[in-house]
Amino acid sequence: MNIKDRIKTIIDDYSTANDEARERNHILRFFKGPSEAAESPWNYVKDPLLLKVKGHLATLNKYINKIKQ
């Protein structure tokens, strides 16, 4: 798979995940209120590269929170 196709796949996957999260947030806001609508697009990504980025973001957030304390 060449780089252009890979980038297109990643963008499509993230766009799909973003749409899914937006729709679920809309449904949750309607039925449970705005405080319950906290779905993130990262919950719905399927591409292996994006999943790896998601894991690295969690690690970075952990270290940032540790430094803040």
PDB file of N, CA and C in Angstrom:
ATOM      1  N   MET A   1       0.856  -1.171   0.000  1.00  0.00           N
ATOM      2  CA  MET A   1       0.000   0.000   0.000  1.00  0.00           C
ATOM      3  C   MET A   1       0.904   1.237   0.000  1.00  0.00           C
ATOM      4  N   ASN A   2       0.659   2.139  -0.924  1.00  0.00           N
ATOM      5  CA  ASN A   2       1.504   3.324  -0.968  1.00  0.00           C
ATOM      6  C   ASN A   2       1.041   4.363   0.060  1.00  0.00           C
ATOM      7  N   ILE A   3       1.827   5.393   0.215  1.00  0.00           N
ATOM      8  CA  ILE A   3       1.599   6.371   1.276  1.00  0.00           C
ATOM      9  C   ILE A   3       0.294   7.135   1.069  1.00  0.00           C
ATOM     10  N   LYS A   4      -0.031   7.495  -0.168  1.00  0.00           N
ATOM     11  CA  LYS A   4      -1.276   8.234  -0.432  1.00  0.00           C
ATOM     12  C   LYS A   4      -2.496   7.417  -0.010  1.00  0.00           C
ATOM     13  N   ASP A   5      -2.492   6.143  -0.368  1.00  0.00           N
ATOM     14  CA  ASP A   5      -3.621   5.282   0.007  1.00  0.00           C
ATOM     15  C   ASP A   5      -3.707   5.119   1.523  1.00  0.00           C
ATOM     16  N   ARG A   6      -2.563   4.999   2.159  1.00  0.00           N
ATOM     17  CA  ARG A   6      -2.529   4.841   3.620  1.00  0.00           C
ATOM     18  C   ARG A   6      -3.077   6.085   4.314  1.00  0.00           C
ATOM     19  N   ILE A   7      -2.672   7.260   3.857  1.00  0.00           N
ATOM     20  CA  ILE A   7      -3.165   8.510   4.441  1.00  0.00           C
ATOM     21  C   ILE A   7      -4.661   8.647   4.213  1.00  0.00           C
ATOM     22  N   LYS A   8      -5.134   8.295   3.017  1.00  0.00           N
ATOM     23  CA  LYS A   8      -6.565   8.355   2.726  1.00  0.00           C
ATOM     24  C   LYS A   8      -7.338   7.409   3.643  1.00  0.00           C
ATOM     25  N   THR A   9      -6.815   6.213   3.869  1.00  0.00           N
ATOM     26  CA  THR A   9      -7.458   5.245   4.756  1.00  0.00           C
ATOM     27  C   THR A   9      -7.535   5.781   6.184  1.00  0.00           C
ATOM     28  N   ILE A  10      -6.458   6.391   6.650  1.00  0.00           N
ATOM     29  CA  ILE A  10      -6.429   6.940   8.003  1.00  0.00           C
ATOM     30  C   ILE A  10      -7.431   8.085   8.140  1.00  0.00           C
ATOM     31  N   ILE A  11      -7.460   8.969   7.160  1.00  0.00           N
ATOM     32  CA  ILE A  11      -8.401  10.097   7.204  1.00  0.00           C
ATOM     33  C   ILE A  11      -9.836   9.598   7.172  1.00  0.00           C
ATOM     34  N   ASP A  12     -10.121   8.622   6.312  1.00  0.00           N
ATOM     35  CA  ASP A  12     -11.474   8.065   6.241  1.00  0.00           C
ATOM     36  C   ASP A  12     -11.871   7.403   7.554  1.00  0.00           C
ATOM     37  N   ASP A  13     -10.946   6.661   8.157  1.00  0.00           N
ATOM     38  CA  ASP A  13     -11.247   5.982   9.417  1.00  0.00           C
ATOM     39  C   ASP A  13     -11.525   6.994  10.521  1.00  0.00           C
ATOM     40  N   TYR A  14     -10.703   8.034  10.616  1.00  0.00           N
ATOM     41  CA  TYR A  14     -10.920   9.030  11.656  1.00  0.00           C
ATOM     42  C   TYR A  14     -12.207   9.807  11.403  1.00  0.00           C
ATOM     43  N   SER A  15     -12.519  10.094  10.138  1.00  0.00           N
ATOM     44  CA  SER A  15     -13.760  10.800   9.814  1.00  0.00           C
ATOM     45  C   SER A  15     -14.972   9.970  10.202  1.00  0.00           C
ATOM     46  N   THR A  16     -14.916   8.677   9.915  1.00  0.00           N
ATOM     47  CA  THR A  16     -16.007   7.777  10.292  1.00  0.00           C
ATOM     48  C   THR A  16     -16.150   7.714  11.807  1.00  0.00           C
ATOM     49  N   ALA A  17     -15.039   7.622  12.504  1.00  0.00           N
ATOM     50  CA  ALA A  17     -15.069   7.585  13.970  1.00  0.00           C
ATOM     51  C   ALA A  17     -15.614   8.889  14.532  1.00  0.00           C
ATOM     52  N   ASN A  18     -15.240  10.002  13.928  1.00  0.00           N
ATOM     53  CA  ASN A  18     -15.726  11.303  14.378  1.00  0.00           C
ATOM     54  C   ASN A  18     -17.231  11.418  14.178  1.00  0.00           C
ATOM     55  N   ASP A  19     -17.730  10.964  13.034  1.00  0.00           N
ATOM     56  CA  ASP A  19     -19.171  10.985  12.777  1.00  0.00           C
ATOM     57  C   ASP A  19     -19.924  10.098  13.768  1.00  0.00           C
ATOM     58  N   GLU A  20     -19.384   8.930  14.056  1.00  0.00           N
ATOM     59  CA  GLU A  20     -20.003   8.004  15.003  1.00  0.00           C
ATOM     60  C   GLU A  20     -20.071   8.625  16.402  1.00  0.00           C
ATOM     61  N   ALA A  21     -18.984   9.243  16.840  1.00  0.00           N
ATOM     62  CA  ALA A  21     -18.953   9.877  18.160  1.00  0.00           C
ATOM     63  C   ALA A  21     -19.926  11.048  18.218  1.00  0.00           C
ATOM     64  N   ARG A  22     -19.986  11.832  17.160  1.00  0.00           N
ATOM     65  CA  ARG A  22     -20.912  12.964  17.124  1.00  0.00           C
ATOM     66  C   ARG A  22     -22.359  12.496  17.216  1.00  0.00           C
ATOM     67  N   GLU A  23     -22.682  11.446  16.480  1.00  0.00           N
ATOM     68  CA  GLU A  23     -24.053  10.919  16.502  1.00  0.00           C
ATOM     69  C   GLU A  23     -24.412  10.357  17.880  1.00  0.00           C
ATOM     70  N   ARG A  24     -23.485   9.615  18.478  1.00  0.00           N
ATOM     71  CA  ARG A  24     -23.749   9.067  19.816  1.00  0.00           C
ATOM     72  C   ARG A  24     -23.865  10.173  20.861  1.00  0.00           C
ATOM     73  N   ASN A  25     -23.057  11.224  20.742  1.00  0.00           N
ATOM     74  CA  ASN A  25     -23.170  12.356  21.661  1.00  0.00           C
ATOM     75  C   ASN A  25     -24.515  13.057  21.507  1.00  0.00           C
ATOM     76  N   HIS A  26     -24.975  13.176  20.267  1.00  0.00           N
ATOM     77  CA  HIS A  26     -26.276  13.790  20.018  1.00  0.00           C
ATOM     78  C   HIS A  26     -27.389  12.981  20.685  1.00  0.00           C
ATOM     79  N   ILE A  27     -27.325  11.670  20.542  1.00  0.00           N
ATOM     80  CA  ILE A  27     -28.340  10.798  21.154  1.00  0.00           C
ATOM     81  C   ILE A  27     -28.264  10.874  22.676  1.00  0.00           C
ATOM     82  N   LEU A  28     -27.050  10.820  23.226  1.00  0.00           N
ATOM     83  CA  LEU A  28     -26.901  10.891  24.683  1.00  0.00           C
ATOM     84  C   LEU A  28     -27.366  12.230  25.232  1.00  0.00           C
ATOM     85  N   ARG A  29     -27.065  13.328  24.545  1.00  0.00           N
ATOM     86  CA  ARG A  29     -27.528  14.645  24.996  1.00  0.00           C
ATOM     87  C   ARG A  29     -29.040  14.707  25.006  1.00  0.00           C
ATOM     88  N   PHE A  30     -29.652  14.111  24.006  1.00  0.00           N
ATOM     89  CA  PHE A  30     -31.107  14.158  23.902  1.00  0.00           C
ATOM     90  C   PHE A  30     -31.764  13.371  25.031  1.00  0.00           C
ATOM     91  N   PHE A  31     -31.256  12.182  25.324  1.00  0.00           N
ATOM     92  CA  PHE A  31     -31.912  11.327  26.301  1.00  0.00           C
ATOM     93  C   PHE A  31     -31.405  11.496  27.729  1.00  0.00           C
ATOM     94  N   LYS A  32     -30.122  11.833  27.911  1.00  0.00           N
ATOM     95  CA  LYS A  32     -29.564  11.880  29.262  1.00  0.00           C
ATOM     96  C   LYS A  32     -29.067  13.251  29.687  1.00  0.00           C
ATOM     97  N   GLY A  33     -28.965  14.185  28.776  1.00  0.00           N
ATOM     98  CA  GLY A  33     -28.482  15.516  29.122  1.00  0.00           C
ATOM     99  C   GLY A  33     -27.045  15.720  28.683  1.00  0.00           C
ATOM    100  N   PRO A  34     -26.624  16.998  28.628  1.00  0.00           N
ATOM    101  CA  PRO A  34     -25.282  17.308  28.126  1.00  0.00           C
ATOM    102  C   PRO A  34     -24.146  16.744  28.973  1.00  0.00           C
ATOM    103  N   SER A  35     -24.386  16.530  30.240  1.00  0.00           N
ATOM    104  CA  SER A  35     -23.298  16.037  31.091  1.00  0.00           C
ATOM    105  C   SER A  35     -22.930  14.589  30.778  1.00  0.00           C
ATOM    106  N   GLU A  36     -23.794  13.844  30.134  1.00  0.00           N
ATOM    107  CA  GLU A  36     -23.532  12.443  29.809  1.00  0.00           C
ATOM    108  C   GLU A  36     -22.894  12.261  28.432  1.00  0.00           C
ATOM    109  N   ALA A  37     -22.881  13.288  27.618  1.00  0.00           N
ATOM    110  CA  ALA A  37     -22.384  13.178  26.246  1.00  0.00           C
ATOM    111  C   ALA A  37     -20.882  13.435  26.217  1.00  0.00           C
ATOM    112  N   ALA A  38     -20.087  12.397  26.409  1.00  0.00           N
ATOM    113  CA  ALA A  38     -18.639  12.566  26.451  1.00  0.00           C
ATOM    114  C   ALA A  38     -17.922  11.535  25.590  1.00  0.00           C
ATOM    115  N   GLU A  39     -18.546  11.118  24.497  1.00  0.00           N
ATOM    116  CA  GLU A  39     -17.908  10.152  23.614  1.00  0.00           C
ATOM    117  C   GLU A  39     -16.807  10.831  22.813  1.00  0.00           C
ATOM    118  N   SER A  40     -15.702  10.149  22.657  1.00  0.00           N
ATOM    119  CA  SER A  40     -14.567  10.669  21.908  1.00  0.00           C
ATOM    120  C   SER A  40     -14.425   9.885  20.600  1.00  0.00           C
ATOM    121  N   PRO A  41     -13.978  10.548  19.534  1.00  0.00           N
ATOM    122  CA  PRO A  41     -13.744   9.813  18.295  1.00  0.00           C
ATOM    123  C   PRO A  41     -12.716   8.702  18.467  1.00  0.00           C
ATOM    124  N   TRP A  42     -11.826   8.848  19.439  1.00  0.00           N
ATOM    125  CA  TRP A  42     -10.792   7.836  19.657  1.00  0.00           C
ATOM    126  C   TRP A  42     -11.392   6.517  20.122  1.00  0.00           C
ATOM    127  N   ASN A  43     -12.637   6.531  20.619  1.00  0.00           N
ATOM    128  CA  ASN A  43     -13.290   5.290  21.036  1.00  0.00           C
ATOM    129  C   ASN A  43     -13.688   4.432  19.836  1.00  0.00           C
ATOM    130  N   TYR A  44     -13.745   5.007  18.655  1.00  0.00           N
ATOM    131  CA  TYR A  44     -14.286   4.307  17.486  1.00  0.00           C
ATOM    132  C   TYR A  44     -13.291   4.105  16.349  1.00  0.00           C
ATOM    133  N   VAL A  45     -12.038   4.477  16.531  1.00  0.00           N
ATOM    134  CA  VAL A  45     -11.064   4.274  15.451  1.00  0.00           C
ATOM    135  C   VAL A  45     -10.720   2.786  15.324  1.00  0.00           C
ATOM    136  N   LYS A  46     -10.424   2.363  14.101  1.00  0.00           N
ATOM    137  CA  LYS A  46     -10.110   0.955  13.845  1.00  0.00           C
ATOM    138  C   LYS A  46      -8.761   0.763  13.166  1.00  0.00           C
ATOM    139  N   ASP A  47      -8.225   1.827  12.603  1.00  0.00           N
ATOM    140  CA  ASP A  47      -6.959   1.724  11.888  1.00  0.00           C
ATOM    141  C   ASP A  47      -5.819   1.456  12.876  1.00  0.00           C
ATOM    142  N   PRO A  48      -4.941   0.495  12.582  1.00  0.00           N
ATOM    143  CA  PRO A  48      -3.856   0.161  13.520  1.00  0.00           C
ATOM    144  C   PRO A  48      -2.949   1.346  13.872  1.00  0.00           C
ATOM    145  N   LEU A  49      -2.668   2.211  12.904  1.00  0.00           N
ATOM    146  CA  LEU A  49      -1.819   3.369  13.193  1.00  0.00           C
ATOM    147  C   LEU A  49      -2.518   4.323  14.164  1.00  0.00           C
ATOM    148  N   LEU A  50      -3.810   4.561  13.957  1.00  0.00           N
ATOM    149  CA  LEU A  50      -4.549   5.435  14.865  1.00  0.00           C
ATOM    150  C   LEU A  50      -4.678   4.819  16.252  1.00  0.00           C
ATOM    151  N   LEU A  51      -4.803   3.497  16.324  1.00  0.00           N
ATOM    152  CA  LEU A  51      -4.854   2.839  17.634  1.00  0.00           C
ATOM    153  C   LEU A  51      -3.530   2.998  18.364  1.00  0.00           C
ATOM    154  N   LYS A  52      -2.428   2.949  17.619  1.00  0.00           N
ATOM    155  CA  LYS A  52      -1.113   3.155  18.232  1.00  0.00           C
ATOM    156  C   LYS A  52      -0.983   4.592  18.741  1.00  0.00           C
ATOM    157  N   VAL A  53      -1.460   5.561  17.949  1.00  0.00           N
ATOM    158  CA  VAL A  53      -1.446   6.963  18.380  1.00  0.00           C
ATOM    159  C   VAL A  53      -2.299   7.128  19.633  1.00  0.00           C
ATOM    160  N   LYS A  54      -3.450   6.478  19.657  1.00  0.00           N
ATOM    161  CA  LYS A  54      -4.327   6.539  20.830  1.00  0.00           C
ATOM    162  C   LYS A  54      -3.599   6.031  22.071  1.00  0.00           C
ATOM    163  N   GLY A  55      -2.860   4.944  21.946  1.00  0.00           N
ATOM    164  CA  GLY A  55      -2.096   4.406  23.067  1.00  0.00           C
ATOM    165  C   GLY A  55      -1.011   5.357  23.529  1.00  0.00           C
ATOM    166  N   HIS A  56      -0.322   5.986  22.573  1.00  0.00           N
ATOM    167  CA  HIS A  56       0.720   6.941  22.936  1.00  0.00           C
ATOM    168  C   HIS A  56       0.131   8.179  23.606  1.00  0.00           C
ATOM    169  N   LEU A  57      -1.048   8.616  23.162  1.00  0.00           N
ATOM    170  CA  LEU A  57      -1.687   9.766  23.792  1.00  0.00           C
ATOM    171  C   LEU A  57      -2.048   9.469  25.244  1.00  0.00           C
ATOM    172  N   ALA A  58      -2.521   8.266  25.490  1.00  0.00           N
ATOM    173  CA  ALA A  58      -2.852   7.886  26.865  1.00  0.00           C
ATOM    174  C   ALA A  58      -1.602   7.898  27.742  1.00  0.00           C
ATOM    175  N   THR A  59      -0.505   7.408  27.216  1.00  0.00           N
ATOM    176  CA  THR A  59       0.754   7.408  27.976  1.00  0.00           C
ATOM    177  C   THR A  59       1.232   8.830  28.234  1.00  0.00           C
ATOM    178  N   LEU A  60       1.172   9.683  27.220  1.00  0.00           N
ATOM    179  CA  LEU A  60       1.588  11.078  27.396  1.00  0.00           C
ATOM    180  C   LEU A  60       0.710  11.790  28.420  1.00  0.00           C
ATOM    181  N   ASN A  61      -0.593  11.569  28.359  1.00  0.00           N
ATOM    182  CA  ASN A  61      -1.498  12.188  29.330  1.00  0.00           C
ATOM    183  C   ASN A  61      -1.170  11.735  30.744  1.00  0.00           C
ATOM    184  N   LYS A  62      -0.813  10.466  30.900  1.00  0.00           N
ATOM    185  CA  LYS A  62      -0.461   9.950  32.226  1.00  0.00           C
ATOM    186  C   LYS A  62       0.768  10.672  32.761  1.00  0.00           C
ATOM    187  N   TYR A  63       1.794  10.825  31.919  1.00  0.00           N
ATOM    188  CA  TYR A  63       3.015  11.498  32.354  1.00  0.00           C
ATOM    189  C   TYR A  63       2.775  12.988  32.620  1.00  0.00           C
ATOM    190  N   ILE A  64       1.961  13.624  31.812  1.00  0.00           N
ATOM    191  CA  ILE A  64       1.641  15.042  32.022  1.00  0.00           C
ATOM    192  C   ILE A  64       0.910  15.223  33.349  1.00  0.00           C
ATOM    193  N   ASN A  65      -0.049  14.354  33.629  1.00  0.00           N
ATOM    194  CA  ASN A  65      -0.780  14.438  34.896  1.00  0.00           C
ATOM    195  C   ASN A  65       0.142  14.174  36.078  1.00  0.00           C
ATOM    196  N   LYS A  66       1.090  13.271  35.912  1.00  0.00           N
ATOM    197  CA  LYS A  66       2.037  12.980  36.983  1.00  0.00           C
ATOM    198  C   LYS A  66       2.923  14.199  37.264  1.00  0.00           C
ATOM    199  N   ILE A  67       3.327  14.892  36.210  1.00  0.00           N
ATOM    200  CA  ILE A  67       4.154  16.083  36.357  1.00  0.00           C
ATOM    201  C   ILE A  67       3.369  17.220  37.021  1.00  0.00           C
ATOM    202  N   LYS A  68       2.108  17.361  36.668  1.00  0.00           N
ATOM    203  CA  LYS A  68       1.269  18.429  37.243  1.00  0.00           C
ATOM    204  C   LYS A  68       1.067  18.250  38.741  1.00  0.00           C
ATOM    205  N   GLN A  69       1.086  17.017  39.223  1.00  0.00           N
ATOM    206  CA  GLN A  69       0.835  16.766  40.639  1.00  0.00           C
ATOM    207  C   GLN A  69       2.014  17.039  41.449  1.00  0.00           C
TER     208      GLN A  69
END
